[in-house]
Amino acid sequence: MADDLKKGKEEIANAIQTIALIQKSRPNALLTRTFFDAKTDEIVQVFSGGPMTNNANLLETLNRISPLNSAKWNNIK
């Protein structure tokens, strides 16, 4: 992310898509819940500033796999 912020954001979004696949096969798994408990604020900070990326799919995925954090996801613009 230090060299190319946009590429870094895209890679994080791809990683979240991978987590969504895990969530689909193992709903409500402790590992995914723990991940989002720890990283929700960081994800919001990363996607709230800097170069714009397509956040529509990201927001849909985040709301589907971690609906308890939907108020925080709404801060992503």
PDB file of N, CA and C in Angstrom:
ATOM      1  N   MET A   1       0.813  -1.181   0.000  1.00  0.00           N
ATOM      2  CA  MET A   1       0.000   0.000   0.000  1.00  0.00           C
ATOM      3  C   MET A   1       0.861   1.250   0.000  1.00  0.00           C
ATOM      4  N   ALA A   2       2.068   1.142   0.462  1.00  0.00           N
ATOM      5  CA  ALA A   2       2.931   2.320   0.514  1.00  0.00           C
ATOM      6  C   ALA A   2       3.285   2.799  -0.894  1.00  0.00           C
ATOM      7  N   ASP A   3       3.433   1.878  -1.834  1.00  0.00           N
ATOM      8  CA  ASP A   3       3.818   2.248  -3.189  1.00  0.00           C
ATOM      9  C   ASP A   3       2.628   2.588  -4.079  1.00  0.00           C
ATOM     10  N   ASP A   4       1.537   1.863  -3.938  1.00  0.00           N
ATOM     11  CA  ASP A   4       0.375   2.057  -4.813  1.00  0.00           C
ATOM     12  C   ASP A   4      -0.895   1.837  -3.986  1.00  0.00           C
ATOM     13  N   LEU A   5      -1.469   2.931  -3.491  1.00  0.00           N
ATOM     14  CA  LEU A   5      -2.623   2.862  -2.596  1.00  0.00           C
ATOM     15  C   LEU A   5      -3.824   2.211  -3.262  1.00  0.00           C
ATOM     16  N   LYS A   6      -4.064   2.541  -4.524  1.00  0.00           N
ATOM     17  CA  LYS A   6      -5.220   1.972  -5.219  1.00  0.00           C
ATOM     18  C   LYS A   6      -5.076   0.456  -5.354  1.00  0.00           C
ATOM     19  N   LYS A   7      -3.905  -0.001  -5.732  1.00  0.00           N
ATOM     20  CA  LYS A   7      -3.658  -1.444  -5.865  1.00  0.00           C
ATOM     21  C   LYS A   7      -3.788  -2.129  -4.509  1.00  0.00           C
ATOM     22  N   GLY A   8      -3.324  -1.480  -3.462  1.00  0.00           N
ATOM     23  CA  GLY A   8      -3.454  -2.032  -2.122  1.00  0.00           C
ATOM     24  C   GLY A   8      -4.909  -2.199  -1.718  1.00  0.00           C
ATOM     25  N   LYS A   9      -5.727  -1.191  -2.023  1.00  0.00           N
ATOM     26  CA  LYS A   9      -7.155  -1.280  -1.724  1.00  0.00           C
ATOM     27  C   LYS A   9      -7.806  -2.420  -2.497  1.00  0.00           C
ATOM     28  N   GLU A  10      -7.426  -2.575  -3.757  1.00  0.00           N
ATOM     29  CA  GLU A  10      -7.984  -3.657  -4.571  1.00  0.00           C
ATOM     30  C   GLU A  10      -7.612  -5.017  -3.999  1.00  0.00           C
ATOM     31  N   GLU A  11      -6.384  -5.153  -3.515  1.00  0.00           N
ATOM     32  CA  GLU A  11      -5.948  -6.431  -2.942  1.00  0.00           C
ATOM     33  C   GLU A  11      -6.680  -6.729  -1.632  1.00  0.00           C
ATOM     34  N   ILE A  12      -6.932  -5.703  -0.837  1.00  0.00           N
ATOM     35  CA  ILE A  12      -7.692  -5.896   0.400  1.00  0.00           C
ATOM     36  C   ILE A  12      -9.120  -6.303   0.061  1.00  0.00           C
ATOM     37  N   ALA A  13      -9.710  -5.669  -0.945  1.00  0.00           N
ATOM     38  CA  ALA A  13     -11.060  -6.038  -1.376  1.00  0.00           C
ATOM     39  C   ALA A  13     -11.099  -7.479  -1.860  1.00  0.00           C
ATOM     40  N   ASN A  14     -10.068  -7.914  -2.577  1.00  0.00           N
ATOM     41  CA  ASN A  14      -9.994  -9.314  -3.022  1.00  0.00           C
ATOM     42  C   ASN A  14      -9.889 -10.262  -1.825  1.00  0.00           C
ATOM     43  N   ALA A  15      -9.128  -9.869  -0.809  1.00  0.00           N
ATOM     44  CA  ALA A  15      -8.994 -10.703   0.386  1.00  0.00           C
ATOM     45  C   ALA A  15     -10.336 -10.810   1.115  1.00  0.00           C
ATOM     46  N   ILE A  16     -11.098  -9.721   1.133  1.00  0.00           N
ATOM     47  CA  ILE A  16     -12.414  -9.746   1.768  1.00  0.00           C
ATOM     48  C   ILE A  16     -13.346 -10.670   0.991  1.00  0.00           C
ATOM     49  N   GLN A  17     -13.216 -10.704  -0.329  1.00  0.00           N
ATOM     50  CA  GLN A  17     -14.012 -11.642  -1.129  1.00  0.00           C
ATOM     51  C   GLN A  17     -13.657 -13.085  -0.766  1.00  0.00           C
ATOM     52  N   THR A  18     -12.386 -13.355  -0.505  1.00  0.00           N
ATOM     53  CA  THR A  18     -11.962 -14.687  -0.083  1.00  0.00           C
ATOM     54  C   THR A  18     -12.563 -15.036   1.276  1.00  0.00           C
ATOM     55  N   ILE A  19     -12.577 -14.069   2.178  1.00  0.00           N
ATOM     56  CA  ILE A  19     -13.192 -14.289   3.486  1.00  0.00           C
ATOM     57  C   ILE A  19     -14.683 -14.570   3.315  1.00  0.00           C
ATOM     58  N   ALA A  20     -15.314 -13.913   2.342  1.00  0.00           N
ATOM     59  CA  ALA A  20     -16.735 -14.163   2.076  1.00  0.00           C
ATOM     60  C   ALA A  20     -16.966 -15.605   1.646  1.00  0.00           C
ATOM     61  N   LEU A  21     -16.047 -16.168   0.879  1.00  0.00           N
ATOM     62  CA  LEU A  21     -16.167 -17.576   0.479  1.00  0.00           C
ATOM     63  C   LEU A  21     -16.062 -18.500   1.693  1.00  0.00           C
ATOM     64  N   ILE A  22     -15.155 -18.158   2.597  1.00  0.00           N
ATOM     65  CA  ILE A  22     -15.018 -18.944   3.827  1.00  0.00           C
ATOM     66  C   ILE A  22     -16.301 -18.839   4.647  1.00  0.00           C
ATOM     67  N   GLN A  23     -16.822 -17.631   4.745  1.00  0.00           N
ATOM     68  CA  GLN A  23     -18.059 -17.407   5.494  1.00  0.00           C
ATOM     69  C   GLN A  23     -19.219 -18.194   4.895  1.00  0.00           C
ATOM     70  N   LYS A  24     -19.225 -18.307   3.575  1.00  0.00           N
ATOM     71  CA  LYS A  24     -20.291 -19.038   2.897  1.00  0.00           C
ATOM     72  C   LYS A  24     -20.239 -20.531   3.225  1.00  0.00           C
ATOM     73  N   SER A  25     -19.037 -21.072   3.295  1.00  0.00           N
ATOM     74  CA  SER A  25     -18.910 -22.502   3.583  1.00  0.00           C
ATOM     75  C   SER A  25     -19.001 -22.806   5.074  1.00  0.00           C
ATOM     76  N   ARG A  26     -18.616 -21.854   5.913  1.00  0.00           N
ATOM     77  CA  ARG A  26     -18.680 -22.035   7.373  1.00  0.00           C
ATOM     78  C   ARG A  26     -19.291 -20.791   8.009  1.00  0.00           C
ATOM     79  N   PRO A  27     -20.615 -20.635   7.894  1.00  0.00           N
ATOM     80  CA  PRO A  27     -21.270 -19.439   8.439  1.00  0.00           C
ATOM     81  C   PRO A  27     -21.011 -19.260   9.931  1.00  0.00           C
ATOM     82  N   ASN A  28     -20.814 -18.020  10.294  1.00  0.00           N
ATOM     83  CA  ASN A  28     -20.655 -17.649  11.701  1.00  0.00           C
ATOM     84  C   ASN A  28     -19.453 -18.318  12.362  1.00  0.00           C
ATOM     85  N   ALA A  29     -18.406 -18.565  11.578  1.00  0.00           N
ATOM     86  CA  ALA A  29     -17.198 -19.182  12.119  1.00  0.00           C
ATOM     87  C   ALA A  29     -16.494 -18.210  13.068  1.00  0.00           C
ATOM     88  N   LEU A  30     -15.904 -18.760  14.094  1.00  0.00           N
ATOM     89  CA  LEU A  30     -15.213 -17.943  15.088  1.00  0.00           C
ATOM     90  C   LEU A  30     -14.105 -17.105  14.452  1.00  0.00           C
ATOM     91  N   LEU A  31     -13.384 -17.680  13.513  1.00  0.00           N
ATOM     92  CA  LEU A  31     -12.272 -16.969  12.890  1.00  0.00           C
ATOM     93  C   LEU A  31     -12.735 -15.717  12.148  1.00  0.00           C
ATOM     94  N   THR A  32     -13.812 -15.811  11.383  1.00  0.00           N
ATOM     95  CA  THR A  32     -14.291 -14.630  10.660  1.00  0.00           C
ATOM     96  C   THR A  32     -14.870 -13.595  11.618  1.00  0.00           C
ATOM     97  N   ARG A  33     -15.567 -14.032  12.630  1.00  0.00           N
ATOM     98  CA  ARG A  33     -16.093 -13.078  13.615  1.00  0.00           C
ATOM     99  C   ARG A  33     -14.962 -12.353  14.317  1.00  0.00           C
ATOM    100  N   THR A  34     -13.924 -13.090  14.698  1.00  0.00           N
ATOM    101  CA  THR A  34     -12.769 -12.491  15.363  1.00  0.00           C
ATOM    102  C   THR A  34     -12.054 -11.517  14.439  1.00  0.00           C
ATOM    103  N   PHE A  35     -11.907 -11.890  13.173  1.00  0.00           N
ATOM    104  CA  PHE A  35     -11.265 -11.009  12.198  1.00  0.00           C
ATOM    105  C   PHE A  35     -12.000  -9.676  12.116  1.00  0.00           C
ATOM    106  N   PHE A  36     -13.316  -9.719  11.960  1.00  0.00           N
ATOM    107  CA  PHE A  36     -14.067  -8.474  11.820  1.00  0.00           C
ATOM    108  C   PHE A  36     -14.149  -7.697  13.126  1.00  0.00           C
ATOM    109  N   ASP A  37     -14.122  -8.375  14.255  1.00  0.00           N
ATOM    110  CA  ASP A  37     -14.051  -7.654  15.530  1.00  0.00           C
ATOM    111  C   ASP A  37     -12.763  -6.845  15.615  1.00  0.00           C
ATOM    112  N   ALA A  38     -11.682  -7.413  15.105  1.00  0.00           N
ATOM    113  CA  ALA A  38     -10.383  -6.760  15.199  1.00  0.00           C
ATOM    114  C   ALA A  38     -10.124  -5.748  14.087  1.00  0.00           C
ATOM    115  N   LYS A  39     -10.652  -5.973  12.905  1.00  0.00           N
ATOM    116  CA  LYS A  39     -10.245  -5.188  11.734  1.00  0.00           C
ATOM    117  C   LYS A  39     -11.302  -4.259  11.157  1.00  0.00           C
ATOM    118  N   THR A  40     -12.496  -4.200  11.718  1.00  0.00           N
ATOM    119  CA  THR A  40     -13.560  -3.377  11.150  1.00  0.00           C
ATOM    120  C   THR A  40     -13.150  -1.921  10.999  1.00  0.00           C
ATOM    121  N   ASP A  41     -12.639  -1.328  12.063  1.00  0.00           N
ATOM    122  CA  ASP A  41     -12.259   0.086  12.005  1.00  0.00           C
ATOM    123  C   ASP A  41     -11.141   0.334  10.991  1.00  0.00           C
ATOM    124  N   GLU A  42     -10.197  -0.589  10.913  1.00  0.00           N
ATOM    125  CA  GLU A  42      -9.092  -0.451   9.961  1.00  0.00           C
ATOM    126  C   GLU A  42      -9.595  -0.538   8.518  1.00  0.00           C
ATOM    127  N   ILE A  43     -10.518  -1.444   8.251  1.00  0.00           N
ATOM    128  CA  ILE A  43     -11.083  -1.571   6.903  1.00  0.00           C
ATOM    129  C   ILE A  43     -11.803  -0.284   6.526  1.00  0.00           C
ATOM    130  N   VAL A  44     -12.574   0.268   7.447  1.00  0.00           N
ATOM    131  CA  VAL A  44     -13.292   1.520   7.181  1.00  0.00           C
ATOM    132  C   VAL A  44     -12.301   2.645   6.890  1.00  0.00           C
ATOM    133  N   GLN A  45     -11.228   2.745   7.658  1.00  0.00           N
ATOM    134  CA  GLN A  45     -10.228   3.791   7.434  1.00  0.00           C
ATOM    135  C   GLN A  45      -9.554   3.652   6.077  1.00  0.00           C
ATOM    136  N   VAL A  46      -9.215   2.435   5.705  1.00  0.00           N
ATOM    137  CA  VAL A  46      -8.532   2.218   4.426  1.00  0.00           C
ATOM    138  C   VAL A  46      -9.411   2.633   3.262  1.00  0.00           C
ATOM    139  N   PHE A  47     -10.686   2.279   3.307  1.00  0.00           N
ATOM    140  CA  PHE A  47     -11.559   2.540   2.166  1.00  0.00           C
ATOM    141  C   PHE A  47     -12.261   3.893   2.217  1.00  0.00           C
ATOM    142  N   SER A  48     -12.056   4.667   3.278  1.00  0.00           N
ATOM    143  CA  SER A  48     -12.713   5.970   3.378  1.00  0.00           C
ATOM    144  C   SER A  48     -11.884   7.100   2.786  1.00  0.00           C
ATOM    145  N   GLY A  49     -10.623   6.904   2.577  1.00  0.00           N
ATOM    146  CA  GLY A  49      -9.784   7.958   2.043  1.00  0.00           C
ATOM    147  C   GLY A  49      -8.972   7.483   0.861  1.00  0.00           C
ATOM    148  N   GLY A  50      -8.229   8.398   0.278  1.00  0.00           N
ATOM    149  CA  GLY A  50      -7.342   8.056  -0.824  1.00  0.00           C
ATOM    150  C   GLY A  50      -8.063   7.896  -2.143  1.00  0.00           C
ATOM    151  N   PRO A  51      -7.408   7.233  -3.096  1.00  0.00           N
ATOM    152  CA  PRO A  51      -8.001   7.076  -4.426  1.00  0.00           C
ATOM    153  C   PRO A  51      -9.293   6.264  -4.368  1.00  0.00           C
ATOM    154  N   MET A  52     -10.219   6.655  -5.203  1.00  0.00           N
ATOM    155  CA  MET A  52     -11.521   5.994  -5.240  1.00  0.00           C
ATOM    156  C   MET A  52     -11.410   4.615  -5.892  1.00  0.00           C
ATOM    157  N   THR A  53     -12.149   3.677  -5.343  1.00  0.00           N
ATOM    158  CA  THR A  53     -12.284   2.349  -5.931  1.00  0.00           C
ATOM    159  C   THR A  53     -13.766   2.034  -5.975  1.00  0.00           C
ATOM    160  N   ASN A  54     -14.126   0.990  -6.680  1.00  0.00           N
ATOM    161  CA  ASN A  54     -15.524   0.585  -6.757  1.00  0.00           C
ATOM    162  C   ASN A  54     -15.899  -0.100  -5.446  1.00  0.00           C
ATOM    163  N   ASN A  55     -16.637   0.627  -4.615  1.00  0.00           N
ATOM    164  CA  ASN A  55     -16.964   0.109  -3.288  1.00  0.00           C
ATOM    165  C   ASN A  55     -18.319  -0.573  -3.211  1.00  0.00           C
ATOM    166  N   ALA A  56     -19.108  -0.543  -4.263  1.00  0.00           N
ATOM    167  CA  ALA A  56     -20.463  -1.109  -4.208  1.00  0.00           C
ATOM    168  C   ALA A  56     -20.422  -2.602  -3.882  1.00  0.00           C
ATOM    169  N   ASN A  57     -19.609  -3.366  -4.593  1.00  0.00           N
ATOM    170  CA  ASN A  57     -19.504  -4.811  -4.330  1.00  0.00           C
ATOM    171  C   ASN A  57     -18.902  -5.068  -2.952  1.00  0.00           C
ATOM    172  N   LEU A  58     -17.923  -4.258  -2.594  1.00  0.00           N
ATOM    173  CA  LEU A  58     -17.286  -4.405  -1.294  1.00  0.00           C
ATOM    174  C   LEU A  58     -18.298  -4.194  -0.173  1.00  0.00           C
ATOM    175  N   LEU A  59     -19.087  -3.134  -0.263  1.00  0.00           N
ATOM    176  CA  LEU A  59     -20.077  -2.847   0.775  1.00  0.00           C
ATOM    177  C   LEU A  59     -21.124  -3.950   0.865  1.00  0.00           C
ATOM    178  N   GLU A  60     -21.548  -4.467  -0.266  1.00  0.00           N
ATOM    179  CA  GLU A  60     -22.517  -5.566  -0.280  1.00  0.00           C
ATOM    180  C   GLU A  60     -21.941  -6.792   0.427  1.00  0.00           C
ATOM    181  N   THR A  61     -20.699  -7.100   0.113  1.00  0.00           N
ATOM    182  CA  THR A  61     -20.043  -8.256   0.721  1.00  0.00           C
ATOM    183  C   THR A  61     -19.861  -8.067   2.219  1.00  0.00           C
ATOM    184  N   LEU A  62     -19.391  -6.884   2.619  1.00  0.00           N
ATOM    185  CA  LEU A  62     -19.171  -6.619   4.036  1.00  0.00           C
ATOM    186  C   LEU A  62     -20.479  -6.693   4.820  1.00  0.00           C
ATOM    187  N   ASN A  63     -21.540  -6.135   4.266  1.00  0.00           N
ATOM    188  CA  ASN A  63     -22.835  -6.175   4.948  1.00  0.00           C
ATOM    189  C   ASN A  63     -23.394  -7.593   5.037  1.00  0.00           C
ATOM    190  N   ARG A  64     -23.063  -8.421   4.058  1.00  0.00           N
ATOM    191  CA  ARG A  64     -23.538  -9.803   4.072  1.00  0.00           C
ATOM    192  C   ARG A  64     -22.776 -10.649   5.091  1.00  0.00           C
ATOM    193  N   ILE A  65     -21.454 -10.477   5.164  1.00  0.00           N
ATOM    194  CA  ILE A  65     -20.674 -11.355   6.036  1.00  0.00           C
ATOM    195  C   ILE A  65     -20.499 -10.805   7.451  1.00  0.00           C
ATOM    196  N   SER A  66     -20.721  -9.509   7.634  1.00  0.00           N
ATOM    197  CA  SER A  66     -20.621  -8.927   8.971  1.00  0.00           C
ATOM    198  C   SER A  66     -21.700  -7.863   9.162  1.00  0.00           C
ATOM    199  N   PRO A  67     -22.950  -8.287   9.226  1.00  0.00           N
ATOM    200  CA  PRO A  67     -24.048  -7.321   9.312  1.00  0.00           C
ATOM    201  C   PRO A  67     -24.068  -6.517  10.611  1.00  0.00           C
ATOM    202  N   LEU A  68     -23.467  -7.025  11.663  1.00  0.00           N
ATOM    203  CA  LEU A  68     -23.439  -6.287  12.923  1.00  0.00           C
ATOM    204  C   LEU A  68     -22.646  -4.983  12.816  1.00  0.00           C
ATOM    205  N   ASN A  69     -21.777  -4.908  11.829  1.00  0.00           N
ATOM    206  CA  ASN A  69     -20.960  -3.712  11.633  1.00  0.00           C
ATOM    207  C   ASN A  69     -21.501  -2.812  10.529  1.00  0.00           C
ATOM    208  N   SER A  70     -22.750  -2.995  10.144  1.00  0.00           N
ATOM    209  CA  SER A  70     -23.298  -2.227   9.016  1.00  0.00           C
ATOM    210  C   SER A  70     -23.254  -0.728   9.244  1.00  0.00           C
ATOM    211  N   ALA A  71     -23.402  -0.275  10.468  1.00  0.00           N
ATOM    212  CA  ALA A  71     -23.314   1.162  10.741  1.00  0.00           C
ATOM    213  C   ALA A  71     -21.918   1.688  10.405  1.00  0.00           C
ATOM    214  N   LYS A  72     -20.906   0.887  10.686  1.00  0.00           N
ATOM    215  CA  LYS A  72     -19.534   1.288  10.348  1.00  0.00           C
ATOM    216  C   LYS A  72     -19.299   1.192   8.844  1.00  0.00           C
ATOM    217  N   TRP A  73     -19.843   0.153   8.206  1.00  0.00           N
ATOM    218  CA  TRP A  73     -19.651   0.001   6.763  1.00  0.00           C
ATOM    219  C   TRP A  73     -20.252   1.188   6.016  1.00  0.00           C
ATOM    220  N   ASN A  74     -21.314   1.774   6.560  1.00  0.00           N
ATOM    221  CA  ASN A  74     -21.946   2.926   5.904  1.00  0.00           C
ATOM    222  C   ASN A  74     -21.044   4.151   5.879  1.00  0.00           C
ATOM    223  N   ASN A  75     -19.970   4.165   6.662  1.00  0.00           N
ATOM    224  CA  ASN A  75     -19.014   5.273   6.641  1.00  0.00           C
ATOM    225  C   ASN A  75     -18.057   5.193   5.463  1.00  0.00           C
ATOM    226  N   ILE A  76     -18.024   4.048   4.786  1.00  0.00           N
ATOM    227  CA  ILE A  76     -17.178   3.904   3.601  1.00  0.00           C
ATOM    228  C   ILE A  76     -17.864   4.632   2.448  1.00  0.00           C
ATOM    229  N   LYS A  77     -17.150   5.514   1.815  1.00  0.00           N
ATOM    230  CA  LYS A  77     -17.729   6.295   0.720  1.00  0.00           C
ATOM    231  C   LYS A  77     -17.095   5.954  -0.597  1.00  0.00           C
TER     232      LYS A  77
END
